[in-house]
C-alpha atoms as a PDB file:
ATOM      1  CA  MET A   1     -58.989  48.027 101.131  1.00  0.00           C
ATOM      2  CA  ASN A   2     -57.078  51.303 101.585  1.00  0.00           C
ATOM      3  CA  ARG A   3     -55.218  52.514 104.839  1.00  0.00           C
ATOM      4  CA  THR A   4     -58.418  55.129 105.804  1.00  0.00           C
ATOM      5  CA  SER A   5     -60.627  52.562 105.835  1.00  0.00           C
ATOM      6  CA  GLU A   6     -58.752  50.347 107.864  1.00  0.00           C
ATOM      7  CA  GLN A   7     -58.334  52.606 110.749  1.00  0.00           C
ATOM      8  CA  LYS A   8     -62.399  53.582 110.397  1.00  0.00           C
ATOM      9  CA  GLN A   9     -62.966  49.482 111.390  1.00  0.00           C
ATOM     10  CA  CYS A  10     -65.233  49.041 114.522  1.00  0.00           C
ATOM     11  CA  ILE A  11     -61.934  47.767 116.196  1.00  0.00           C
ATOM     12  CA  ASN A  12     -60.633  51.584 116.725  1.00  0.00           C
ATOM     13  CA  CYS A  13     -64.036  52.701 117.514  1.00  0.00           C
ATOM     14  CA  THR A  14     -65.148  54.820 120.711  1.00  0.00           C
ATOM     15  CA  HIS A  15     -68.200  52.654 120.981  1.00  0.00           C
ATOM     16  CA  PHE A  16     -66.899  49.276 120.612  1.00  0.00           C
ATOM     17  CA  ARG A  17     -66.432  47.040 123.381  1.00  0.00           C
ATOM     18  CA  ASN A  18     -65.006  43.594 122.538  1.00  0.00           C
ATOM     19  CA  SER A  19     -62.875  42.596 125.977  1.00  0.00           C
ATOM     20  CA  PRO A  20     -63.483  38.785 127.153  1.00  0.00           C
ATOM     21  CA  GLN A  21     -64.650  40.633 130.198  1.00  0.00           C
ATOM     22  CA  TYR A  22     -67.148  42.707 128.813  1.00  0.00           C
ATOM     23  CA  MET A  23     -68.343  39.454 126.596  1.00  0.00           C
ATOM     24  CA  GLU A  24     -69.100  37.579 129.660  1.00  0.00           C
ATOM     25  CA  ARG A  25     -71.018  40.305 131.567  1.00  0.00           C
ATOM     26  CA  VAL A  26     -72.671  41.395 128.397  1.00  0.00           C
ATOM     27  CA  PHE A  27     -73.628  37.551 127.388  1.00  0.00           C
ATOM     28  CA  LYS A  28     -74.549  35.555 130.934  1.00  0.00           C
ATOM     29  CA  GLY A  29     -73.270  32.337 130.936  1.00  0.00           C
ATOM     30  CA  MET A  30     -70.550  32.646 128.285  1.00  0.00           C
ATOM     31  CA  SER A  31     -68.248  31.010 130.748  1.00  0.00           C
ATOM     32  CA  THR A  32     -69.828  27.661 131.297  1.00  0.00           C
ATOM     33  CA  MET A  33     -70.090  27.655 127.153  1.00  0.00           C
ATOM     34  CA  SER A  34     -66.288  28.193 126.868  1.00  0.00           C
ATOM     35  CA  SER A  35     -65.087  31.752 127.529  1.00  0.00           C
ATOM     36  CA  GLY A  36     -65.088  35.213 126.414  1.00  0.00           C
ATOM     37  CA  HIS A  37     -61.238  34.735 125.376  1.00  0.00           C
ATOM     38  CA  ALA A  38     -62.721  31.916 123.156  1.00  0.00           C
ATOM     39  CA  SER A  39     -60.531  32.142 119.892  1.00  0.00           C
ATOM     40  CA  VAL A  40     -63.692  31.453 117.669  1.00  0.00           C
ATOM     41  CA  ARG A  41     -64.921  35.334 118.874  1.00  0.00           C
ATOM     42  CA  LYS A  42     -61.988  36.437 117.396  1.00  0.00           C
ATOM     43  CA  ASP A  43     -61.907  40.045 117.908  1.00  0.00           C
ATOM     44  CA  ASP A  44     -66.033  40.240 117.803  1.00  0.00           C
ATOM     45  CA  GLY A  45     -67.491  42.537 119.881  1.00  0.00           C
ATOM     46  CA  ILE A  46     -70.657  44.804 120.698  1.00  0.00           C
ATOM     47  CA  CYS A  47     -71.298  48.164 119.466  1.00  0.00           C
ATOM     48  CA  LEU A  48     -72.979  50.408 121.773  1.00  0.00           C
ATOM     49  CA  GLN A  49     -74.019  52.944 118.791  1.00  0.00           C
ATOM     50  CA  HIS A  50     -76.298  50.469 117.244  1.00  0.00           C
ATOM     51  CA  ASP A  51     -76.485  47.599 120.355  1.00  0.00           C
ATOM     52  CA  ILE A  52     -75.577  44.942 118.166  1.00  0.00           C
ATOM     53  CA  TYR A  53     -72.879  42.034 117.914  1.00  0.00           C
ATOM     54  CA  LEU A  54     -70.463  42.296 114.867  1.00  0.00           C
ATOM     55  CA  SER A  55     -66.872  41.916 113.830  1.00  0.00           C
ATOM     56  CA  ALA A  56     -64.294  44.006 114.581  1.00  0.00           C
ATOM     57  CA  ASP A  57     -63.334  44.771 110.921  1.00  0.00           C
ATOM     58  CA  ASN A  58     -67.163  46.349 110.452  1.00  0.00           C
ATOM     59  CA  SER A  59     -67.514  50.139 110.062  1.00  0.00           C
ATOM     60  CA  CYS A  60     -70.101  52.527 109.475  1.00  0.00           C
ATOM     61  CA  ASP A  61     -70.588  56.057 109.072  1.00  0.00           C
ATOM     62  CA  GLN A  62     -70.907  56.766 113.021  1.00  0.00           C
ATOM     63  CA  PHE A  63     -67.537  55.879 113.543  1.00  0.00           C
ATOM     64  CA  ASP A  64     -65.284  57.899 116.451  1.00  0.00           C
ATOM     65  CA  ALA A  65     -61.930  57.455 116.836  1.00  0.00           C
ATOM     66  CA  ALA A  66     -61.204  55.941 120.157  1.00  0.00           C
END
């Protein structure tokens, strides 16, 4: 993967939210199963543009630099 496509990953997009606090608010009960800090979640998060849960290294044509 080249440097440009790495920079356009969801993790760098203004539409992407993945803080543990945000994830626990979105997924009620997550803290009872483990927490938003869980290592299995890694950097996964929510795309506000598409309203989906996805990996931080995804990308799309609606990328908007944070």
